[in-house]
Amino acid sequence: MATDSLAVKPARAPIPEPSAWDRLRVNRNWLGAWFMMPARSVSACG
């Protein structure tokens, strides 16, 4: 039993950086900012 608790565990893979699509799906504030960028550029030009 003592040897089972001392066994070396494999290293976990690092957590990947979230992509833009992952941020759009999860964070609603980021989603709102994403869709307001074109509206802001149109209002700034006109």
PDB file of N, CA and C in Angstrom:
ATOM      1  N   MET A   1       0.811  -1.198   0.000  1.00  0.00           N
ATOM      2  CA  MET A   1       0.000   0.000   0.000  1.00  0.00           C
ATOM      3  C   MET A   1       0.851   1.257   0.000  1.00  0.00           C
ATOM      4  N   ALA A   2       1.925   1.236   0.729  1.00  0.00           N
ATOM      5  CA  ALA A   2       2.762   2.426   0.805  1.00  0.00           C
ATOM      6  C   ALA A   2       3.379   2.762  -0.548  1.00  0.00           C
ATOM      7  N   THR A   3       3.666   1.756  -1.346  1.00  0.00           N
ATOM      8  CA  THR A   3       4.266   2.036  -2.654  1.00  0.00           C
ATOM      9  C   THR A   3       3.257   2.632  -3.629  1.00  0.00           C
ATOM     10  N   ASP A   4       1.975   2.327  -3.459  1.00  0.00           N
ATOM     11  CA  ASP A   4       0.968   2.902  -4.341  1.00  0.00           C
ATOM     12  C   ASP A   4       0.853   4.410  -4.162  1.00  0.00           C
ATOM     13  N   SER A   5       0.970   4.890  -2.945  1.00  0.00           N
ATOM     14  CA  SER A   5       0.841   6.321  -2.695  1.00  0.00           C
ATOM     15  C   SER A   5       2.081   7.092  -3.136  1.00  0.00           C
ATOM     16  N   LEU A   6       3.205   6.405  -3.300  1.00  0.00           N
ATOM     17  CA  LEU A   6       4.430   7.064  -3.718  1.00  0.00           C
ATOM     18  C   LEU A   6       4.668   6.983  -5.228  1.00  0.00           C
ATOM     19  N   ALA A   7       3.755   6.397  -5.945  1.00  0.00           N
ATOM     20  CA  ALA A   7       3.915   6.260  -7.392  1.00  0.00           C
ATOM     21  C   ALA A   7       3.913   7.641  -8.054  1.00  0.00           C
ATOM     22  N   VAL A   8       4.715   7.785  -9.091  1.00  0.00           N
ATOM     23  CA  VAL A   8       4.811   9.052  -9.812  1.00  0.00           C
ATOM     24  C   VAL A   8       3.620   9.173 -10.756  1.00  0.00           C
ATOM     25  N   LYS A   9       2.940  10.298 -10.664  1.00  0.00           N
ATOM     26  CA  LYS A   9       1.785  10.530 -11.520  1.00  0.00           C
ATOM     27  C   LYS A   9       2.235  11.272 -12.779  1.00  0.00           C
ATOM     28  N   PRO A  10       1.631  10.974 -13.908  1.00  0.00           N
ATOM     29  CA  PRO A  10       2.017  11.678 -15.139  1.00  0.00           C
ATOM     30  C   PRO A  10       1.627  13.152 -15.064  1.00  0.00           C
ATOM     31  N   ALA A  11       2.423  13.978 -15.719  1.00  0.00           N
ATOM     32  CA  ALA A  11       2.158  15.423 -15.718  1.00  0.00           C
ATOM     33  C   ALA A  11       0.937  15.717 -16.582  1.00  0.00           C
ATOM     34  N   ARG A  12       0.151  16.667 -16.157  1.00  0.00           N
ATOM     35  CA  ARG A  12      -1.022  17.074 -16.930  1.00  0.00           C
ATOM     36  C   ARG A  12      -0.593  18.008 -18.056  1.00  0.00           C
ATOM     37  N   ALA A  13      -1.349  17.981 -19.121  1.00  0.00           N
ATOM     38  CA  ALA A  13      -1.095  18.902 -20.236  1.00  0.00           C
ATOM     39  C   ALA A  13      -1.497  20.312 -19.798  1.00  0.00           C
ATOM     40  N   PRO A  14      -0.775  21.329 -20.240  1.00  0.00           N
ATOM     41  CA  PRO A  14      -1.144  22.697 -19.867  1.00  0.00           C
ATOM     42  C   PRO A  14      -2.496  23.081 -20.469  1.00  0.00           C
ATOM     43  N   ILE A  15      -3.204  23.946 -19.780  1.00  0.00           N
ATOM     44  CA  ILE A  15      -4.511  24.402 -20.252  1.00  0.00           C
ATOM     45  C   ILE A  15      -4.285  25.335 -21.440  1.00  0.00           C
ATOM     46  N   PRO A  16      -4.935  25.080 -22.575  1.00  0.00           N
ATOM     47  CA  PRO A  16      -4.719  25.933 -23.742  1.00  0.00           C
ATOM     48  C   PRO A  16      -5.324  27.324 -23.545  1.00  0.00           C
ATOM     49  N   GLU A  17      -4.755  28.291 -24.212  1.00  0.00           N
ATOM     50  CA  GLU A  17      -5.258  29.664 -24.171  1.00  0.00           C
ATOM     51  C   GLU A  17      -6.606  29.703 -24.889  1.00  0.00           C
ATOM     52  N   PRO A  18      -7.630  30.371 -24.326  1.00  0.00           N
ATOM     53  CA  PRO A  18      -8.932  30.401 -24.994  1.00  0.00           C
ATOM     54  C   PRO A  18      -8.862  31.178 -26.310  1.00  0.00           C
ATOM     55  N   SER A  19      -9.547  30.677 -27.318  1.00  0.00           N
ATOM     56  CA  SER A  19      -9.570  31.340 -28.617  1.00  0.00           C
ATOM     57  C   SER A  19     -10.643  32.430 -28.617  1.00  0.00           C
ATOM     58  N   ALA A  20     -10.675  33.215 -29.677  1.00  0.00           N
ATOM     59  CA  ALA A  20     -11.695  34.260 -29.800  1.00  0.00           C
ATOM     60  C   ALA A  20     -13.087  33.644 -29.824  1.00  0.00           C
ATOM     61  N   TRP A  21     -13.243  32.490 -30.464  1.00  0.00           N
ATOM     62  CA  TRP A  21     -14.546  31.825 -30.522  1.00  0.00           C
ATOM     63  C   TRP A  21     -14.986  31.365 -29.136  1.00  0.00           C
ATOM     64  N   ASP A  22     -14.038  30.845 -28.345  1.00  0.00           N
ATOM     65  CA  ASP A  22     -14.370  30.435 -26.983  1.00  0.00           C
ATOM     66  C   ASP A  22     -14.842  31.628 -26.164  1.00  0.00           C
ATOM     67  N   ARG A  23     -14.203  32.759 -26.330  1.00  0.00           N
ATOM     68  CA  ARG A  23     -14.613  33.958 -25.588  1.00  0.00           C
ATOM     69  C   ARG A  23     -15.988  34.428 -26.026  1.00  0.00           C
ATOM     70  N   LEU A  24     -16.265  34.355 -27.336  1.00  0.00           N
ATOM     71  CA  LEU A  24     -17.576  34.771 -27.832  1.00  0.00           C
ATOM     72  C   LEU A  24     -18.689  33.885 -27.295  1.00  0.00           C
ATOM     73  N   ARG A  25     -18.429  32.582 -27.200  1.00  0.00           N
ATOM     74  CA  ARG A  25     -19.462  31.656 -26.740  1.00  0.00           C
ATOM     75  C   ARG A  25     -19.767  31.824 -25.263  1.00  0.00           C
ATOM     76  N   VAL A  26     -18.786  32.181 -24.444  1.00  0.00           N
ATOM     77  CA  VAL A  26     -18.941  32.154 -22.998  1.00  0.00           C
ATOM     78  C   VAL A  26     -19.215  33.535 -22.406  1.00  0.00           C
ATOM     79  N   ASN A  27     -18.454  34.527 -22.791  1.00  0.00           N
ATOM     80  CA  ASN A  27     -18.517  35.837 -22.147  1.00  0.00           C
ATOM     81  C   ASN A  27     -19.439  36.770 -22.922  1.00  0.00           C
ATOM     82  N   ARG A  28     -20.599  37.042 -22.372  1.00  0.00           N
ATOM     83  CA  ARG A  28     -21.593  37.871 -23.061  1.00  0.00           C
ATOM     84  C   ARG A  28     -21.151  39.331 -23.172  1.00  0.00           C
ATOM     85  N   ASN A  29     -20.395  39.837 -22.231  1.00  0.00           N
ATOM     86  CA  ASN A  29     -19.902  41.203 -22.321  1.00  0.00           C
ATOM     87  C   ASN A  29     -18.948  41.354 -23.499  1.00  0.00           C
ATOM     88  N   TRP A  30     -18.103  40.364 -23.687  1.00  0.00           N
ATOM     89  CA  TRP A  30     -17.164  40.376 -24.804  1.00  0.00           C
ATOM     90  C   TRP A  30     -17.929  40.293 -26.113  1.00  0.00           C
ATOM     91  N   LEU A  31     -19.017  39.510 -26.127  1.00  0.00           N
ATOM     92  CA  LEU A  31     -19.859  39.376 -27.312  1.00  0.00           C
ATOM     93  C   LEU A  31     -20.477  40.726 -27.678  1.00  0.00           C
ATOM     94  N   GLY A  32     -20.974  41.449 -26.696  1.00  0.00           N
ATOM     95  CA  GLY A  32     -21.556  42.765 -26.960  1.00  0.00           C
ATOM     96  C   GLY A  32     -20.534  43.745 -27.499  1.00  0.00           C
ATOM     97  N   ALA A  33     -19.346  43.735 -26.944  1.00  0.00           N
ATOM     98  CA  ALA A  33     -18.285  44.634 -27.427  1.00  0.00           C
ATOM     99  C   ALA A  33     -17.902  44.284 -28.860  1.00  0.00           C
ATOM    100  N   TRP A  34     -17.877  42.996 -29.171  1.00  0.00           N
ATOM    101  CA  TRP A  34     -17.501  42.534 -30.510  1.00  0.00           C
ATOM    102  C   TRP A  34     -18.473  43.076 -31.565  1.00  0.00           C
ATOM    103  N   PHE A  35     -19.776  43.042 -31.276  1.00  0.00           N
ATOM    104  CA  PHE A  35     -20.761  43.504 -32.239  1.00  0.00           C
ATOM    105  C   PHE A  35     -20.926  45.016 -32.238  1.00  0.00           C
ATOM    106  N   MET A  36     -20.455  45.689 -31.214  1.00  0.00           N
ATOM    107  CA  MET A  36     -20.541  47.148 -31.196  1.00  0.00           C
ATOM    108  C   MET A  36     -19.373  47.810 -31.918  1.00  0.00           C
ATOM    109  N   MET A  37     -18.309  47.073 -32.187  1.00  0.00           N
ATOM    110  CA  MET A  37     -17.159  47.676 -32.895  1.00  0.00           C
ATOM    111  C   MET A  37     -17.546  48.200 -34.275  1.00  0.00           C
ATOM    112  N   PRO A  38     -18.268  47.437 -35.122  1.00  0.00           N
ATOM    113  CA  PRO A  38     -18.653  48.002 -36.424  1.00  0.00           C
ATOM    114  C   PRO A  38     -19.588  49.199 -36.279  1.00  0.00           C
ATOM    115  N   ALA A  39     -20.493  49.163 -35.327  1.00  0.00           N
ATOM    116  CA  ALA A  39     -21.413  50.278 -35.125  1.00  0.00           C
ATOM    117  C   ALA A  39     -20.658  51.541 -34.707  1.00  0.00           C
ATOM    118  N   ARG A  40     -19.652  51.358 -33.899  1.00  0.00           N
ATOM    119  CA  ARG A  40     -18.852  52.506 -33.464  1.00  0.00           C
ATOM    120  C   ARG A  40     -18.063  53.089 -34.632  1.00  0.00           C
ATOM    121  N   SER A  41     -17.533  52.231 -35.491  1.00  0.00           N
ATOM    122  CA  SER A  41     -16.753  52.737 -36.614  1.00  0.00           C
ATOM    123  C   SER A  41     -17.658  53.457 -37.619  1.00  0.00           C
ATOM    124  N   VAL A  42     -18.893  53.006 -37.784  1.00  0.00           N
ATOM    125  CA  VAL A  42     -19.821  53.663 -38.697  1.00  0.00           C
ATOM    126  C   VAL A  42     -20.230  55.026 -38.131  1.00  0.00           C
ATOM    127  N   SER A  43     -20.513  55.072 -36.834  1.00  0.00           N
ATOM    128  CA  SER A  43     -20.946  56.337 -36.238  1.00  0.00           C
ATOM    129  C   SER A  43     -19.800  57.340 -36.165  1.00  0.00           C
ATOM    130  N   ALA A  44     -18.569  56.873 -36.089  1.00  0.00           N
ATOM    131  CA  ALA A  44     -17.418  57.770 -36.021  1.00  0.00           C
ATOM    132  C   ALA A  44     -17.137  58.391 -37.385  1.00  0.00           C
ATOM    133  N   CYS A  45     -17.488  57.684 -38.455  1.00  0.00           N
ATOM    134  CA  CYS A  45     -17.213  58.194 -39.801  1.00  0.00           C
ATOM    135  C   CYS A  45     -18.300  59.158 -40.276  1.00  0.00           C
ATOM    136  N   GLY A  46     -19.492  59.007 -39.781  1.00  0.00           N
ATOM    137  CA  GLY A  46     -20.612  59.779 -40.332  1.00  0.00           C
ATOM    138  C   GLY A  46     -20.989  60.885 -39.503  1.00  0.00           C
TER     139      GLY A  46
END
